[in-house]
Amino acid sequence: MNRGYSFIIFSILLLFLLPTPLGRLFIDMAGGIMILLVIIIFTITGASWLAIRNFKSNLKTCSNCGASYFSQQEICPLCNTNQSNNNTSYEGNLPASSATIDIKAEETK
């Protein structure tokens, strides 16, 4: 190894190991950079999560074929089903028996 190169490496290691003001400055700067990197990573992750949630909220799913599409159209681009007719809206009261599912427990052997 070149003697000058090993002297530079030894000097840098000595700055980190000895409690000199310059070594303390390097350690503080490294800690600040690590904190900054963590904050940047969390910010990018949060922004990505919000963008994905926004994208998913604008997706429509066809009730006929199950395809998902990102559009303001009322007609599915794959099966040409009109999506506005498939929305069921009830006007008036429904009997509870038509909206309730009865479940019976059975023992298995």
PDB file of N, CA and C in Angstrom:
ATOM      1  N   MET A   1       0.817  -1.186   0.000  1.00  0.00           N
ATOM      2  CA  MET A   1       0.000   0.000   0.000  1.00  0.00           C
ATOM      3  C   MET A   1       0.867   1.258   0.000  1.00  0.00           C
ATOM      4  N   ASN A   2       0.358   2.270  -0.561  1.00  0.00           N
ATOM      5  CA  ASN A   2       1.062   3.542  -0.587  1.00  0.00           C
ATOM      6  C   ASN A   2       1.065   4.140   0.820  1.00  0.00           C
ATOM      7  N   ARG A   3       2.173   4.654   1.231  1.00  0.00           N
ATOM      8  CA  ARG A   3       2.309   5.162   2.591  1.00  0.00           C
ATOM      9  C   ARG A   3       1.439   6.401   2.823  1.00  0.00           C
ATOM     10  N   GLY A   4       1.313   7.263   1.832  1.00  0.00           N
ATOM     11  CA  GLY A   4       0.486   8.460   1.970  1.00  0.00           C
ATOM     12  C   GLY A   4      -0.993   8.114   2.098  1.00  0.00           C
ATOM     13  N   TYR A   5      -1.440   7.090   1.363  1.00  0.00           N
ATOM     14  CA  TYR A   5      -2.842   6.666   1.419  1.00  0.00           C
ATOM     15  C   TYR A   5      -3.174   6.095   2.793  1.00  0.00           C
ATOM     16  N   SER A   6      -2.287   5.276   3.351  1.00  0.00           N
ATOM     17  CA  SER A   6      -2.542   4.694   4.669  1.00  0.00           C
ATOM     18  C   SER A   6      -2.502   5.773   5.754  1.00  0.00           C
ATOM     19  N   PHE A   7      -1.682   6.798   5.581  1.00  0.00           N
ATOM     20  CA  PHE A   7      -1.647   7.900   6.542  1.00  0.00           C
ATOM     21  C   PHE A   7      -2.968   8.665   6.541  1.00  0.00           C
ATOM     22  N   ILE A   8      -3.561   8.867   5.375  1.00  0.00           N
ATOM     23  CA  ILE A   8      -4.849   9.574   5.278  1.00  0.00           C
ATOM     24  C   ILE A   8      -5.949   8.763   5.952  1.00  0.00           C
ATOM     25  N   ILE A   9      -5.984   7.460   5.691  1.00  0.00           N
ATOM     26  CA  ILE A   9      -6.996   6.593   6.319  1.00  0.00           C
ATOM     27  C   ILE A   9      -6.815   6.595   7.831  1.00  0.00           C
ATOM     28  N   PHE A  10      -5.568   6.479   8.302  1.00  0.00           N
ATOM     29  CA  PHE A  10      -5.291   6.490   9.738  1.00  0.00           C
ATOM     30  C   PHE A  10      -5.705   7.818  10.356  1.00  0.00           C
ATOM     31  N   SER A  11      -5.481   8.918   9.672  1.00  0.00           N
ATOM     32  CA  SER A  11      -5.858  10.231  10.200  1.00  0.00           C
ATOM     33  C   SER A  11      -7.371  10.366  10.323  1.00  0.00           C
ATOM     34  N   ILE A  12      -8.101   9.875   9.323  1.00  0.00           N
ATOM     35  CA  ILE A  12      -9.568   9.953   9.376  1.00  0.00           C
ATOM     36  C   ILE A  12     -10.100   9.095  10.514  1.00  0.00           C
ATOM     37  N   LEU A  13      -9.573   7.889  10.676  1.00  0.00           N
ATOM     38  CA  LEU A  13      -9.993   7.032  11.787  1.00  0.00           C
ATOM     39  C   LEU A  13      -9.659   7.657  13.125  1.00  0.00           C
ATOM     40  N   LEU A  14      -8.509   8.268  13.231  1.00  0.00           N
ATOM     41  CA  LEU A  14      -8.108   8.922  14.469  1.00  0.00           C
ATOM     42  C   LEU A  14      -9.039  10.085  14.805  1.00  0.00           C
ATOM     43  N   LEU A  15      -9.515  10.824  13.794  1.00  0.00           N
ATOM     44  CA  LEU A  15     -10.463  11.924  14.038  1.00  0.00           C
ATOM     45  C   LEU A  15     -11.776  11.418  14.611  1.00  0.00           C
ATOM     46  N   PHE A  16     -12.205  10.229  14.145  1.00  0.00           N
ATOM     47  CA  PHE A  16     -13.464   9.687  14.655  1.00  0.00           C
ATOM     48  C   PHE A  16     -13.299   9.079  16.043  1.00  0.00           C
ATOM     49  N   LEU A  17     -12.129   8.519  16.341  1.00  0.00           N
ATOM     50  CA  LEU A  17     -11.947   7.835  17.608  1.00  0.00           C
ATOM     51  C   LEU A  17     -11.560   8.768  18.747  1.00  0.00           C
ATOM     52  N   LEU A  18     -10.783   9.764  18.475  1.00  0.00           N
ATOM     53  CA  LEU A  18     -10.366  10.686  19.530  1.00  0.00           C
ATOM     54  C   LEU A  18     -11.411  11.780  19.727  1.00  0.00           C
ATOM     55  N   PRO A  19     -11.626  12.183  20.959  1.00  0.00           N
ATOM     56  CA  PRO A  19     -12.640  13.222  21.224  1.00  0.00           C
ATOM     57  C   PRO A  19     -12.124  14.632  20.954  1.00  0.00           C
ATOM     58  N   THR A  20     -11.698  14.867  19.749  1.00  0.00           N
ATOM     59  CA  THR A  20     -11.268  16.216  19.378  1.00  0.00           C
ATOM     60  C   THR A  20     -12.469  16.983  18.857  1.00  0.00           C
ATOM     61  N   PRO A  21     -12.397  18.309  18.830  1.00  0.00           N
ATOM     62  CA  PRO A  21     -13.527  19.079  18.298  1.00  0.00           C
ATOM     63  C   PRO A  21     -13.843  18.740  16.837  1.00  0.00           C
ATOM     64  N   LEU A  22     -12.819  18.468  16.038  1.00  0.00           N
ATOM     65  CA  LEU A  22     -13.064  18.125  14.640  1.00  0.00           C
ATOM     66  C   LEU A  22     -13.724  16.751  14.516  1.00  0.00           C
ATOM     67  N   GLY A  23     -13.278  15.806  15.327  1.00  0.00           N
ATOM     68  CA  GLY A  23     -13.917  14.486  15.333  1.00  0.00           C
ATOM     69  C   GLY A  23     -15.364  14.557  15.802  1.00  0.00           C
ATOM     70  N   ARG A  24     -15.602  15.370  16.819  1.00  0.00           N
ATOM     71  CA  ARG A  24     -16.974  15.569  17.315  1.00  0.00           C
ATOM     72  C   ARG A  24     -17.848  16.209  16.236  1.00  0.00           C
ATOM     73  N   LEU A  25     -17.285  17.132  15.474  1.00  0.00           N
ATOM     74  CA  LEU A  25     -18.023  17.773  14.387  1.00  0.00           C
ATOM     75  C   LEU A  25     -18.421  16.751  13.326  1.00  0.00           C
ATOM     76  N   PHE A  26     -17.481  15.866  12.961  1.00  0.00           N
ATOM     77  CA  PHE A  26     -17.797  14.834  11.968  1.00  0.00           C
ATOM     78  C   PHE A  26     -18.880  13.879  12.465  1.00  0.00           C
ATOM     79  N   ILE A  27     -18.813  13.499  13.734  1.00  0.00           N
ATOM     80  CA  ILE A  27     -19.822  12.593  14.293  1.00  0.00           C
ATOM     81  C   ILE A  27     -21.183  13.278  14.339  1.00  0.00           C
ATOM     82  N   ASP A  28     -21.226  14.550  14.733  1.00  0.00           N
ATOM     83  CA  ASP A  28     -22.496  15.291  14.757  1.00  0.00           C
ATOM     84  C   ASP A  28     -23.075  15.462  13.360  1.00  0.00           C
ATOM     85  N   MET A  29     -22.216  15.722  12.384  1.00  0.00           N
ATOM     86  CA  MET A  29     -22.699  15.854  11.007  1.00  0.00           C
ATOM     87  C   MET A  29     -23.248  14.530  10.491  1.00  0.00           C
ATOM     88  N   ALA A  30     -22.591  13.427  10.811  1.00  0.00           N
ATOM     89  CA  ALA A  30     -23.077  12.114  10.372  1.00  0.00           C
ATOM     90  C   ALA A  30     -24.435  11.809  11.006  1.00  0.00           C
ATOM     91  N   GLY A  31     -24.606  12.162  12.286  1.00  0.00           N
ATOM     92  CA  GLY A  31     -25.897  11.953  12.950  1.00  0.00           C
ATOM     93  C   GLY A  31     -26.995  12.805  12.333  1.00  0.00           C
ATOM     94  N   GLY A  32     -26.673  14.051  12.012  1.00  0.00           N
ATOM     95  CA  GLY A  32     -27.657  14.935  11.376  1.00  0.00           C
ATOM     96  C   GLY A  32     -28.056  14.440   9.996  1.00  0.00           C
ATOM     97  N   ILE A  33     -27.089  13.925   9.252  1.00  0.00           N
ATOM     98  CA  ILE A  33     -27.397  13.391   7.917  1.00  0.00           C
ATOM     99  C   ILE A  33     -28.284  12.159   8.026  1.00  0.00           C
ATOM    100  N   MET A  34     -28.028  11.309   9.015  1.00  0.00           N
ATOM    101  CA  MET A  34     -28.865  10.113   9.194  1.00  0.00           C
ATOM    102  C   MET A  34     -30.301  10.496   9.562  1.00  0.00           C
ATOM    103  N   ILE A  35     -30.469  11.472  10.439  1.00  0.00           N
ATOM    104  CA  ILE A  35     -31.809  11.930  10.808  1.00  0.00           C
ATOM    105  C   ILE A  35     -32.514  12.526   9.590  1.00  0.00           C
ATOM    106  N   LEU A  36     -31.791  13.301   8.802  1.00  0.00           N
ATOM    107  CA  LEU A  36     -32.365  13.893   7.590  1.00  0.00           C
ATOM    108  C   LEU A  36     -32.797  12.811   6.598  1.00  0.00           C
ATOM    109  N   LEU A  37     -32.002  11.774   6.436  1.00  0.00           N
ATOM    110  CA  LEU A  37     -32.370  10.675   5.540  1.00  0.00           C
ATOM    111  C   LEU A  37     -33.623   9.953   6.018  1.00  0.00           C
ATOM    112  N   VAL A  38     -33.742   9.729   7.325  1.00  0.00           N
ATOM    113  CA  VAL A  38     -34.933   9.068   7.867  1.00  0.00           C
ATOM    114  C   VAL A  38     -36.171   9.934   7.629  1.00  0.00           C
ATOM    115  N   ILE A  39     -36.058  11.230   7.845  1.00  0.00           N
ATOM    116  CA  ILE A  39     -37.196  12.135   7.620  1.00  0.00           C
ATOM    117  C   ILE A  39     -37.593  12.140   6.146  1.00  0.00           C
ATOM    118  N   ILE A  40     -36.626  12.151   5.250  1.00  0.00           N
ATOM    119  CA  ILE A  40     -36.925  12.131   3.815  1.00  0.00           C
ATOM    120  C   ILE A  40     -37.619  10.828   3.429  1.00  0.00           C
ATOM    121  N   ILE A  41     -37.153   9.707   3.955  1.00  0.00           N
ATOM    122  CA  ILE A  41     -37.765   8.411   3.636  1.00  0.00           C
ATOM    123  C   ILE A  41     -39.209   8.367   4.119  1.00  0.00           C
ATOM    124  N   PHE A  42     -39.474   8.832   5.351  1.00  0.00           N
ATOM    125  CA  PHE A  42     -40.845   8.831   5.863  1.00  0.00           C
ATOM    126  C   PHE A  42     -41.738   9.788   5.076  1.00  0.00           C
ATOM    127  N   THR A  43     -41.214  10.918   4.647  1.00  0.00           N
ATOM    128  CA  THR A  43     -42.003  11.866   3.856  1.00  0.00           C
ATOM    129  C   THR A  43     -42.370  11.277   2.505  1.00  0.00           C
ATOM    130  N   ILE A  44     -41.421  10.653   1.835  1.00  0.00           N
ATOM    131  CA  ILE A  44     -41.703  10.042   0.532  1.00  0.00           C
ATOM    132  C   ILE A  44     -42.689   8.890   0.679  1.00  0.00           C
ATOM    133  N   THR A  45     -42.548   8.092   1.734  1.00  0.00           N
ATOM    134  CA  THR A  45     -43.470   6.978   1.970  1.00  0.00           C
ATOM    135  C   THR A  45     -44.884   7.497   2.230  1.00  0.00           C
ATOM    136  N   GLY A  46     -45.015   8.529   3.045  1.00  0.00           N
ATOM    137  CA  GLY A  46     -46.339   9.088   3.330  1.00  0.00           C
ATOM    138  C   GLY A  46     -46.987   9.700   2.102  1.00  0.00           C
ATOM    139  N   ALA A  47     -46.222  10.412   1.312  1.00  0.00           N
ATOM    140  CA  ALA A  47     -46.768  11.001   0.087  1.00  0.00           C
ATOM    141  C   ALA A  47     -47.186   9.922  -0.902  1.00  0.00           C
ATOM    142  N   SER A  48     -46.415   8.861  -1.001  1.00  0.00           N
ATOM    143  CA  SER A  48     -46.779   7.754  -1.898  1.00  0.00           C
ATOM    144  C   SER A  48     -48.057   7.077  -1.428  1.00  0.00           C
ATOM    145  N   TRP A  49     -48.191   6.882  -0.124  1.00  0.00           N
ATOM    146  CA  TRP A  49     -49.390   6.242   0.420  1.00  0.00           C
ATOM    147  C   TRP A  49     -50.624   7.095   0.129  1.00  0.00           C
ATOM    148  N   LEU A  50     -50.512   8.407   0.303  1.00  0.00           N
ATOM    149  CA  LEU A  50     -51.644   9.292   0.010  1.00  0.00           C
ATOM    150  C   LEU A  50     -51.983   9.292  -1.478  1.00  0.00           C
ATOM    151  N   ALA A  51     -50.983   9.250  -2.346  1.00  0.00           N
ATOM    152  CA  ALA A  51     -51.235   9.223  -3.787  1.00  0.00           C
ATOM    153  C   ALA A  51     -51.927   7.929  -4.197  1.00  0.00           C
ATOM    154  N   ILE A  52     -51.528   6.814  -3.628  1.00  0.00           N
ATOM    155  CA  ILE A  52     -52.167   5.528  -3.954  1.00  0.00           C
ATOM    156  C   ILE A  52     -53.605   5.507  -3.464  1.00  0.00           C
ATOM    157  N   ARG A  53     -53.852   6.034  -2.266  1.00  0.00           N
ATOM    158  CA  ARG A  53     -55.235   6.087  -1.763  1.00  0.00           C
ATOM    159  C   ARG A  53     -56.106   6.976  -2.649  1.00  0.00           C
ATOM    160  N   ASN A  54     -55.572   8.082  -3.117  1.00  0.00           N
ATOM    161  CA  ASN A  54     -56.316   8.969  -4.007  1.00  0.00           C
ATOM    162  C   ASN A  54     -56.616   8.271  -5.327  1.00  0.00           C
ATOM    163  N   PHE A  55     -55.643   7.557  -5.862  1.00  0.00           N
ATOM    164  CA  PHE A  55     -55.837   6.826  -7.113  1.00  0.00           C
ATOM    165  C   PHE A  55     -56.898   5.743  -6.950  1.00  0.00           C
ATOM    166  N   LYS A  56     -56.849   4.992  -5.850  1.00  0.00           N
ATOM    167  CA  LYS A  56     -57.823   3.913  -5.626  1.00  0.00           C
ATOM    168  C   LYS A  56     -59.233   4.449  -5.412  1.00  0.00           C
ATOM    169  N   SER A  57     -59.364   5.630  -4.836  1.00  0.00           N
ATOM    170  CA  SER A  57     -60.702   6.174  -4.604  1.00  0.00           C
ATOM    171  C   SER A  57     -61.372   6.585  -5.914  1.00  0.00           C
ATOM    172  N   ASN A  58     -60.594   6.832  -6.962  1.00  0.00           N
ATOM    173  CA  ASN A  58     -61.156   7.214  -8.255  1.00  0.00           C
ATOM    174  C   ASN A  58     -61.385   6.028  -9.178  1.00  0.00           C
ATOM    175  N   LEU A  59     -61.048   4.825  -8.757  1.00  0.00           N
ATOM    176  CA  LEU A  59     -61.278   3.637  -9.577  1.00  0.00           C
ATOM    177  C   LEU A  59     -62.730   3.206  -9.481  1.00  0.00           C
ATOM    178  N   LYS A  60     -63.264   2.763 -10.576  1.00  0.00           N
ATOM    179  CA  LYS A  60     -64.605   2.181 -10.600  1.00  0.00           C
ATOM    180  C   LYS A  60     -64.483   0.701 -10.889  1.00  0.00           C
ATOM    181  N   THR A  61     -65.384  -0.098 -10.335  1.00  0.00           N
ATOM    182  CA  THR A  61     -65.410  -1.528 -10.579  1.00  0.00           C
ATOM    183  C   THR A  61     -66.744  -1.883 -11.214  1.00  0.00           C
ATOM    184  N   CYS A  62     -66.685  -2.584 -12.329  1.00  0.00           N
ATOM    185  CA  CYS A  62     -67.896  -3.000 -13.026  1.00  0.00           C
ATOM    186  C   CYS A  62     -68.573  -4.105 -12.234  1.00  0.00           C
ATOM    187  N   SER A  63     -69.878  -3.975 -12.037  1.00  0.00           N
ATOM    188  CA  SER A  63     -70.616  -4.993 -11.302  1.00  0.00           C
ATOM    189  C   SER A  63     -70.926  -6.216 -12.160  1.00  0.00           C
ATOM    190  N   ASN A  64     -70.754  -6.098 -13.462  1.00  0.00           N
ATOM    191  CA  ASN A  64     -71.039  -7.219 -14.351  1.00  0.00           C
ATOM    192  C   ASN A  64     -69.809  -8.104 -14.564  1.00  0.00           C
ATOM    193  N   CYS A  65     -68.684  -7.501 -14.975  1.00  0.00           N
ATOM    194  CA  CYS A  65     -67.494  -8.290 -15.290  1.00  0.00           C
ATOM    195  C   CYS A  65     -66.407  -8.179 -14.232  1.00  0.00           C
ATOM    196  N   GLY A  66     -66.499  -7.225 -13.309  1.00  0.00           N
ATOM    197  CA  GLY A  66     -65.518  -7.079 -12.246  1.00  0.00           C
ATOM    198  C   GLY A  66     -64.270  -6.308 -12.634  1.00  0.00           C
ATOM    199  N   ALA A  67     -64.244  -5.735 -13.810  1.00  0.00           N
ATOM    200  CA  ALA A  67     -63.066  -4.985 -14.253  1.00  0.00           C
ATOM    201  C   ALA A  67     -62.993  -3.645 -13.537  1.00  0.00           C
ATOM    202  N   SER A  68     -61.786  -3.231 -13.228  1.00  0.00           N
ATOM    203  CA  SER A  68     -61.580  -1.921 -12.622  1.00  0.00           C
ATOM    204  C   SER A  68     -61.063  -0.974 -13.687  1.00  0.00           C
ATOM    205  N   TYR A  69     -61.615   0.216 -13.701  1.00  0.00           N
ATOM    206  CA  TYR A  69     -61.176   1.198 -14.686  1.00  0.00           C
ATOM    207  C   TYR A  69     -61.203   2.575 -14.059  1.00  0.00           C
ATOM    208  N   PHE A  70     -60.334   3.429 -14.567  1.00  0.00           N
ATOM    209  CA  PHE A  70     -60.160   4.778 -14.060  1.00  0.00           C
ATOM    210  C   PHE A  70     -60.770   5.737 -15.065  1.00  0.00           C
ATOM    211  N   SER A  71     -62.035   6.031 -14.858  1.00  0.00           N
ATOM    212  CA  SER A  71     -62.708   6.853 -15.832  1.00  0.00           C
ATOM    213  C   SER A  71     -63.929   7.507 -15.207  1.00  0.00           C
ATOM    214  N   GLN A  72     -64.425   8.520 -15.851  1.00  0.00           N
ATOM    215  CA  GLN A  72     -65.652   9.174 -15.434  1.00  0.00           C
ATOM    216  C   GLN A  72     -66.844   8.665 -16.229  1.00  0.00           C
ATOM    217  N   GLN A  73     -66.622   7.645 -17.057  1.00  0.00           N
ATOM    218  CA  GLN A  73     -67.689   7.102 -17.884  1.00  0.00           C
ATOM    219  C   GLN A  73     -68.642   6.279 -17.038  1.00  0.00           C
ATOM    220  N   GLU A  74     -69.868   6.189 -17.497  1.00  0.00           N
ATOM    221  CA  GLU A  74     -70.859   5.358 -16.837  1.00  0.00           C
ATOM    222  C   GLU A  74     -70.961   3.979 -17.486  1.00  0.00           C
ATOM    223  N   ILE A  75     -70.245   3.771 -18.593  1.00  0.00           N
ATOM    224  CA  ILE A  75     -70.292   2.497 -19.313  1.00  0.00           C
ATOM    225  C   ILE A  75     -68.933   1.823 -19.167  1.00  0.00           C
ATOM    226  N   CYS A  76     -68.952   0.534 -18.804  1.00  0.00           N
ATOM    227  CA  CYS A  76     -67.722  -0.232 -18.643  1.00  0.00           C
ATOM    228  C   CYS A  76     -67.027  -0.367 -19.999  1.00  0.00           C
ATOM    229  N   PRO A  77     -65.725  -0.092 -20.089  1.00  0.00           N
ATOM    230  CA  PRO A  77     -65.041  -0.175 -21.380  1.00  0.00           C
ATOM    231  C   PRO A  77     -64.830  -1.609 -21.867  1.00  0.00           C
ATOM    232  N   LEU A  78     -64.969  -2.609 -20.996  1.00  0.00           N
ATOM    233  CA  LEU A  78     -64.743  -3.992 -21.423  1.00  0.00           C
ATOM    234  C   LEU A  78     -66.029  -4.691 -21.858  1.00  0.00           C
ATOM    235  N   CYS A  79     -67.077  -4.573 -21.048  1.00  0.00           N
ATOM    236  CA  CYS A  79     -68.302  -5.321 -21.373  1.00  0.00           C
ATOM    237  C   CYS A  79     -69.461  -4.428 -21.807  1.00  0.00           C
ATOM    238  N   ASN A  80     -69.267  -3.121 -21.849  1.00  0.00           N
ATOM    239  CA  ASN A  80     -70.278  -2.142 -22.276  1.00  0.00           C
ATOM    240  C   ASN A  80     -71.550  -2.179 -21.434  1.00  0.00           C
ATOM    241  N   THR A  81     -71.423  -2.487 -20.155  1.00  0.00           N
ATOM    242  CA  THR A  81     -72.565  -2.465 -19.255  1.00  0.00           C
ATOM    243  C   THR A  81     -72.726  -1.058 -18.695  1.00  0.00           C
ATOM    244  N   ASN A  82     -73.956  -0.571 -18.679  1.00  0.00           N
ATOM    245  CA  ASN A  82     -74.228   0.745 -18.121  1.00  0.00           C
ATOM    246  C   ASN A  82     -74.200   0.631 -16.603  1.00  0.00           C
ATOM    247  N   GLN A  83     -73.266   1.330 -15.967  1.00  0.00           N
ATOM    248  CA  GLN A  83     -73.083   1.214 -14.524  1.00  0.00           C
ATOM    249  C   GLN A  83     -74.131   1.990 -13.740  1.00  0.00           C
ATOM    250  N   SER A  84     -74.757   2.974 -14.333  1.00  0.00           N
ATOM    251  CA  SER A  84     -75.759   3.744 -13.596  1.00  0.00           C
ATOM    252  C   SER A  84     -77.030   2.930 -13.379  1.00  0.00           C
ATOM    253  N   ASN A  85     -77.312   1.940 -14.225  1.00  0.00           N
ATOM    254  CA  ASN A  85     -78.500   1.107 -14.047  1.00  0.00           C
ATOM    255  C   ASN A  85     -78.282   0.012 -13.020  1.00  0.00           C
ATOM    256  N   ASN A  86     -77.036  -0.340 -12.733  1.00  0.00           N
ATOM    257  CA  ASN A  86     -76.764  -1.427 -11.809  1.00  0.00           C
ATOM    258  C   ASN A  86     -76.775  -0.996 -10.361  1.00  0.00           C
ATOM    259  N   ASN A  87     -76.771   0.292 -10.095  1.00  0.00           N
ATOM    260  CA  ASN A  87     -76.815   0.771  -8.722  1.00  0.00           C
ATOM    261  C   ASN A  87     -78.227   0.596  -8.190  1.00  0.00           C
ATOM    262  N   THR A  88     -78.350  -0.152  -7.110  1.00  0.00           N
ATOM    263  CA  THR A  88     -79.669  -0.378  -6.530  1.00  0.00           C
ATOM    264  C   THR A  88     -79.914   0.666  -5.464  1.00  0.00           C
ATOM    265  N   SER A  89     -81.001   1.365  -5.589  1.00  0.00           N
ATOM    266  CA  SER A  89     -81.376   2.334  -4.570  1.00  0.00           C
ATOM    267  C   SER A  89     -82.782   1.983  -4.114  1.00  0.00           C
ATOM    268  N   TYR A  90     -82.956   1.911  -2.832  1.00  0.00           N
ATOM    269  CA  TYR A  90     -84.243   1.522  -2.256  1.00  0.00           C
ATOM    270  C   TYR A  90     -84.940   2.770  -1.748  1.00  0.00           C
ATOM    271  N   GLU A  91     -86.148   2.921  -2.150  1.00  0.00           N
ATOM    272  CA  GLU A  91     -86.944   4.037  -1.659  1.00  0.00           C
ATOM    273  C   GLU A  91     -88.051   3.449  -0.808  1.00  0.00           C
ATOM    274  N   GLY A  92     -88.087   3.856   0.392  1.00  0.00           N
ATOM    275  CA  GLY A  92     -89.040   3.276   1.316  1.00  0.00           C
ATOM    276  C   GLY A  92     -88.315   2.333   2.267  1.00  0.00           C
ATOM    277  N   ASN A  93     -89.088   1.628   3.057  1.00  0.00           N
ATOM    278  CA  ASN A  93     -88.513   0.737   4.058  1.00  0.00           C
ATOM    279  C   ASN A  93     -88.483  -0.694   3.544  1.00  0.00           C
ATOM    280  N   LEU A  94     -87.464  -1.393   3.886  1.00  0.00           N
ATOM    281  CA  LEU A  94     -87.344  -2.814   3.576  1.00  0.00           C
ATOM    282  C   LEU A  94     -87.631  -3.605   4.841  1.00  0.00           C
ATOM    283  N   PRO A  95     -88.271  -4.744   4.694  1.00  0.00           N
ATOM    284  CA  PRO A  95     -88.418  -5.579   5.887  1.00  0.00           C
ATOM    285  C   PRO A  95     -87.050  -6.118   6.308  1.00  0.00           C
ATOM    286  N   ALA A  96     -86.863  -6.233   7.599  1.00  0.00           N
ATOM    287  CA  ALA A  96     -85.567  -6.675   8.116  1.00  0.00           C
ATOM    288  C   ALA A  96     -85.255  -8.111   7.696  1.00  0.00           C
ATOM    289  N   SER A  97     -86.275  -8.926   7.466  1.00  0.00           N
ATOM    290  CA  SER A  97     -86.018 -10.318   7.090  1.00  0.00           C
ATOM    291  C   SER A  97     -85.390 -10.429   5.703  1.00  0.00           C
ATOM    292  N   SER A  98     -85.614  -9.453   4.825  1.00  0.00           N
ATOM    293  CA  SER A  98     -85.010  -9.514   3.499  1.00  0.00           C
ATOM    294  C   SER A  98     -83.555  -9.025   3.513  1.00  0.00           C
ATOM    295  N   ALA A  99     -83.164  -8.312   4.547  1.00  0.00           N
ATOM    296  CA  ALA A  99     -81.807  -7.814   4.632  1.00  0.00           C
ATOM    297  C   ALA A  99     -80.948  -8.596   5.610  1.00  0.00           C
ATOM    298  N   THR A 100     -81.544  -9.533   6.359  1.00  0.00           N
ATOM    299  CA  THR A 100     -80.819 -10.286   7.371  1.00  0.00           C
ATOM    300  C   THR A 100     -80.534 -11.688   6.853  1.00  0.00           C
ATOM    301  N   ILE A 101     -79.341 -12.174   7.121  1.00  0.00           N
ATOM    302  CA  ILE A 101     -78.960 -13.533   6.732  1.00  0.00           C
ATOM    303  C   ILE A 101     -78.993 -14.398   7.993  1.00  0.00           C
ATOM    304  N   ASP A 102     -79.747 -15.450   7.952  1.00  0.00           N
ATOM    305  CA  ASP A 102     -79.799 -16.371   9.084  1.00  0.00           C
ATOM    306  C   ASP A 102     -78.687 -17.395   8.956  1.00  0.00           C
ATOM    307  N   ILE A 103     -77.958 -17.602  10.038  1.00  0.00           N
ATOM    308  CA  ILE A 103     -76.865 -18.558  10.065  1.00  0.00           C
ATOM    309  C   ILE A 103     -77.190 -19.617  11.096  1.00  0.00           C
ATOM    310  N   LYS A 104     -77.101 -20.869  10.687  1.00  0.00           N
ATOM    311  CA  LYS A 104     -77.354 -21.998  11.598  1.00  0.00           C
ATOM    312  C   LYS A 104     -76.042 -22.710  11.843  1.00  0.00           C
ATOM    313  N   ALA A 105     -75.759 -22.992  13.091  1.00  0.00           N
ATOM    314  CA  ALA A 105     -74.530 -23.685  13.450  1.00  0.00           C
ATOM    315  C   ALA A 105     -74.729 -25.185  13.309  1.00  0.00           C
ATOM    316  N   GLU A 106     -73.740 -25.844  12.733  1.00  0.00           N
ATOM    317  CA  GLU A 106     -73.772 -27.290  12.586  1.00  0.00           C
ATOM    318  C   GLU A 106     -72.485 -27.855  13.141  1.00  0.00           C
ATOM    319  N   GLU A 107     -72.588 -29.019  13.758  1.00  0.00           N
ATOM    320  CA  GLU A 107     -71.392 -29.677  14.282  1.00  0.00           C
ATOM    321  C   GLU A 107     -70.768 -30.519  13.196  1.00  0.00           C
ATOM    322  N   THR A 108     -69.451 -30.511  13.136  1.00  0.00           N
ATOM    323  CA  THR A 108     -68.745 -31.356  12.162  1.00  0.00           C
ATOM    324  C   THR A 108     -68.122 -32.519  12.901  1.00  0.00           C
ATOM    325  N   LYS A 109     -68.053 -33.628  12.206  1.00  0.00           N
ATOM    326  CA  LYS A 109     -67.478 -34.839  12.824  1.00  0.00           C
ATOM    327  C   LYS A 109     -66.184 -35.206  12.196  1.00  0.00           C
TER     328      LYS A 109
END
